[in-house]
């Protein structure tokens, strides 16, 4: 699922393709904001992205996509 993180005073957003569910991402964000710690996500290839929770301006969580089977279009 695609996650976009807007960081305060940074003109571009951080985009990550995470294998985690939307609920897991929300839980991680809530915990990081509560503790004023670091919000960390790992992408589908194993790379980590860490952002200070206090610097997060917004978090956009894309829709969960199901794997498609077959060769047809649409």
N, C-alpha and C. Protein backbone atom coordinates (compact mmCIF):
# COMPACT_ATOMS: atom_id res chain seq x y z
N UNK A 1 0.83 -1.15 0.00
CA UNK A 1 0.00 0.00 0.00
C UNK A 1 0.88 1.22 0.00
N UNK A 2 0.50 2.22 -0.76
CA UNK A 2 1.29 3.44 -0.86
C UNK A 2 0.99 4.37 0.31
N UNK A 3 2.06 4.86 0.94
CA UNK A 3 1.94 5.78 2.06
C UNK A 3 2.74 7.03 1.70
N UNK A 4 2.10 8.20 1.84
CA UNK A 4 2.76 9.48 1.59
C UNK A 4 2.87 10.23 2.91
N UNK A 5 4.08 10.68 3.21
CA UNK A 5 4.34 11.39 4.46
C UNK A 5 4.76 12.81 4.12
N UNK A 6 4.00 13.78 4.60
CA UNK A 6 4.37 15.17 4.45
C UNK A 6 5.15 15.62 5.67
N UNK A 7 6.35 16.11 5.47
CA UNK A 7 7.22 16.54 6.56
C UNK A 7 7.22 18.07 6.59
N UNK A 8 7.06 18.64 7.79
CA UNK A 8 7.03 20.08 7.96
C UNK A 8 8.33 20.70 7.45
N UNK A 9 8.20 21.79 6.68
CA UNK A 9 9.31 22.56 6.12
C UNK A 9 10.15 21.78 5.11
N UNK A 10 9.59 20.73 4.53
CA UNK A 10 10.25 19.98 3.46
C UNK A 10 9.30 20.02 2.26
N UNK A 11 9.76 20.55 1.11
CA UNK A 11 8.84 20.75 -0.02
C UNK A 11 8.31 19.47 -0.67
N UNK A 12 9.05 18.39 -0.61
CA UNK A 12 8.57 17.16 -1.24
C UNK A 12 8.12 16.17 -0.18
N UNK A 13 7.22 15.30 -0.57
CA UNK A 13 6.72 14.30 0.37
C UNK A 13 7.54 13.02 0.26
N UNK A 14 7.50 12.22 1.31
CA UNK A 14 8.17 10.92 1.32
C UNK A 14 7.11 9.90 0.92
N UNK A 15 7.41 9.10 -0.10
CA UNK A 15 6.47 8.08 -0.58
C UNK A 15 7.09 6.72 -0.38
N UNK A 16 6.33 5.82 0.22
CA UNK A 16 6.82 4.47 0.51
C UNK A 16 5.74 3.46 0.17
N UNK A 17 6.14 2.32 -0.36
CA UNK A 17 5.22 1.21 -0.66
C UNK A 17 5.37 0.20 0.48
N UNK A 18 4.42 0.21 1.41
CA UNK A 18 4.52 -0.61 2.61
C UNK A 18 3.64 -1.85 2.51
N UNK A 19 4.15 -2.99 2.98
CA UNK A 19 3.34 -4.21 3.00
C UNK A 19 2.38 -4.25 4.20
N UNK A 20 2.49 -3.27 5.12
CA UNK A 20 1.65 -3.26 6.32
C UNK A 20 0.24 -2.78 6.01
N UNK A 21 -0.69 -3.17 6.87
CA UNK A 21 -2.08 -2.75 6.70
C UNK A 21 -2.26 -1.30 7.15
N UNK A 22 -3.35 -0.69 6.74
CA UNK A 22 -3.65 0.69 7.14
C UNK A 22 -3.77 0.80 8.65
N UNK A 23 -4.37 -0.19 9.28
CA UNK A 23 -4.52 -0.17 10.74
C UNK A 23 -3.17 -0.22 11.45
N UNK A 24 -2.25 -1.04 10.95
CA UNK A 24 -0.91 -1.13 11.55
C UNK A 24 -0.18 0.21 11.42
N UNK A 25 -0.31 0.84 10.27
CA UNK A 25 0.36 2.12 10.04
C UNK A 25 -0.22 3.18 10.98
N UNK A 26 -1.54 3.20 11.12
CA UNK A 26 -2.18 4.16 12.03
C UNK A 26 -1.72 3.94 13.47
N UNK A 27 -1.61 2.67 13.89
CA UNK A 27 -1.15 2.37 15.25
C UNK A 27 0.29 2.87 15.48
N UNK A 28 1.15 2.63 14.49
CA UNK A 28 2.54 3.08 14.60
C UNK A 28 2.61 4.60 14.69
N UNK A 29 1.80 5.29 13.88
CA UNK A 29 1.80 6.75 13.91
C UNK A 29 1.30 7.26 15.25
N UNK A 30 0.22 6.69 15.76
CA UNK A 30 -0.33 7.12 17.05
C UNK A 30 0.69 6.92 18.18
N UNK A 31 1.38 5.78 18.17
CA UNK A 31 2.39 5.50 19.20
C UNK A 31 3.56 6.48 19.10
N UNK A 32 3.99 6.80 17.87
CA UNK A 32 5.11 7.73 17.69
C UNK A 32 4.71 9.14 18.12
N UNK A 33 3.49 9.55 17.81
CA UNK A 33 3.04 10.88 18.21
C UNK A 33 2.89 10.98 19.72
N UNK A 34 2.38 9.93 20.34
CA UNK A 34 2.18 9.93 21.79
C UNK A 34 3.51 10.03 22.54
N UNK A 35 4.52 9.32 22.05
CA UNK A 35 5.81 9.31 22.73
C UNK A 35 6.75 10.41 22.22
N UNK A 36 6.30 11.17 21.20
CA UNK A 36 7.14 12.18 20.56
C UNK A 36 8.44 11.55 20.05
N UNK A 37 8.31 10.32 19.59
CA UNK A 37 9.47 9.57 19.10
C UNK A 37 9.60 9.62 17.59
N UNK A 38 10.10 8.53 17.07
CA UNK A 38 10.36 8.39 15.64
C UNK A 38 9.29 7.51 15.02
N UNK A 39 8.73 7.97 13.90
CA UNK A 39 7.78 7.17 13.13
C UNK A 39 8.60 6.42 12.09
N UNK A 40 8.52 5.09 12.12
CA UNK A 40 9.33 4.26 11.21
C UNK A 40 8.45 3.30 10.43
N UNK A 41 8.68 3.26 9.13
CA UNK A 41 8.01 2.29 8.26
C UNK A 41 9.07 1.56 7.45
N UNK A 42 8.79 0.32 7.12
CA UNK A 42 9.67 -0.48 6.27
C UNK A 42 8.95 -0.76 4.98
N UNK A 43 9.62 -0.54 3.85
CA UNK A 43 8.96 -0.76 2.56
C UNK A 43 8.99 -2.23 2.18
N UNK A 44 8.38 -2.55 1.04
CA UNK A 44 8.24 -3.94 0.61
C UNK A 44 9.57 -4.59 0.26
N UNK A 45 10.64 -3.78 0.11
CA UNK A 45 11.97 -4.33 -0.20
C UNK A 45 12.87 -4.39 1.03
N UNK A 46 12.34 -3.96 2.20
CA UNK A 46 13.10 -4.04 3.43
C UNK A 46 13.81 -2.77 3.86
N UNK A 47 13.71 -1.70 3.07
CA UNK A 47 14.34 -0.43 3.44
C UNK A 47 13.46 0.30 4.46
N UNK A 48 14.09 0.99 5.41
CA UNK A 48 13.36 1.71 6.45
C UNK A 48 13.36 3.21 6.19
N UNK A 49 12.25 3.84 6.54
CA UNK A 49 12.12 5.29 6.50
C UNK A 49 11.77 5.73 7.91
N UNK A 50 12.53 6.68 8.45
CA UNK A 50 12.28 7.17 9.80
C UNK A 50 12.11 8.68 9.77
N UNK A 51 11.03 9.15 10.41
CA UNK A 51 10.73 10.58 10.46
C UNK A 51 10.39 10.94 11.90
N UNK A 52 10.94 12.03 12.43
CA UNK A 52 10.55 12.47 13.77
C UNK A 52 9.04 12.75 13.77
N UNK A 53 8.32 12.16 14.70
CA UNK A 53 6.86 12.27 14.72
C UNK A 53 6.40 13.72 14.81
N UNK A 54 7.13 14.54 15.54
CA UNK A 54 6.74 15.95 15.71
C UNK A 54 6.85 16.74 14.41
N UNK A 55 7.56 16.21 13.41
CA UNK A 55 7.75 16.91 12.15
C UNK A 55 6.78 16.45 11.05
N UNK A 56 5.90 15.52 11.37
CA UNK A 56 4.95 15.02 10.37
C UNK A 56 3.81 16.01 10.23
N UNK A 57 3.63 16.50 9.00
CA UNK A 57 2.54 17.42 8.71
C UNK A 57 1.26 16.68 8.35
N UNK A 58 1.41 15.60 7.59
CA UNK A 58 0.26 14.76 7.22
C UNK A 58 0.75 13.38 6.81
N UNK A 59 -0.18 12.45 6.84
CA UNK A 59 0.10 11.08 6.41
C UNK A 59 -1.08 10.65 5.53
N UNK A 60 -0.79 10.27 4.31
CA UNK A 60 -1.83 9.82 3.39
C UNK A 60 -1.63 8.33 3.14
N UNK A 61 -2.66 7.55 3.46
CA UNK A 61 -2.59 6.10 3.28
C UNK A 61 -3.46 5.74 2.10
N UNK A 62 -2.87 5.12 1.07
CA UNK A 62 -3.61 4.72 -0.12
C UNK A 62 -4.49 3.52 0.16
N UNK A 63 -5.36 3.22 -0.79
CA UNK A 63 -6.24 2.07 -0.66
C UNK A 63 -5.44 0.79 -0.79
N UNK A 64 -5.86 -0.22 -0.02
CA UNK A 64 -5.20 -1.52 -0.12
C UNK A 64 -5.55 -2.13 -1.46
N UNK A 65 -4.53 -2.62 -2.15
CA UNK A 65 -4.76 -3.22 -3.46
C UNK A 65 -4.63 -4.73 -3.36
N UNK A 66 -5.51 -5.42 -4.00
CA UNK A 66 -5.47 -6.88 -4.05
C UNK A 66 -4.63 -7.28 -5.26
N UNK A 67 -3.89 -8.36 -5.13
CA UNK A 67 -3.10 -8.86 -6.25
C UNK A 67 -4.04 -9.34 -7.35
N UNK A 68 -3.73 -8.92 -8.58
CA UNK A 68 -4.56 -9.33 -9.71
C UNK A 68 -3.99 -10.57 -10.36
N UNK A 69 -4.88 -11.40 -10.83
CA UNK A 69 -4.49 -12.66 -11.46
C UNK A 69 -4.92 -12.60 -12.93
N UNK A 70 -4.07 -13.08 -13.82
CA UNK A 70 -4.43 -13.14 -15.23
C UNK A 70 -3.76 -12.05 -16.03
N UNK A 71 -4.10 -12.01 -17.31
CA UNK A 71 -3.45 -11.08 -18.22
C UNK A 71 -4.42 -10.04 -18.77
N UNK A 72 -5.65 -10.08 -18.39
CA UNK A 72 -6.65 -9.15 -18.90
C UNK A 72 -6.45 -7.74 -18.39
N UNK A 73 -7.04 -6.80 -19.05
CA UNK A 73 -6.97 -5.39 -18.66
C UNK A 73 -8.23 -5.07 -17.88
N UNK A 74 -8.06 -4.36 -16.78
CA UNK A 74 -9.19 -3.87 -16.00
C UNK A 74 -9.67 -4.88 -15.10
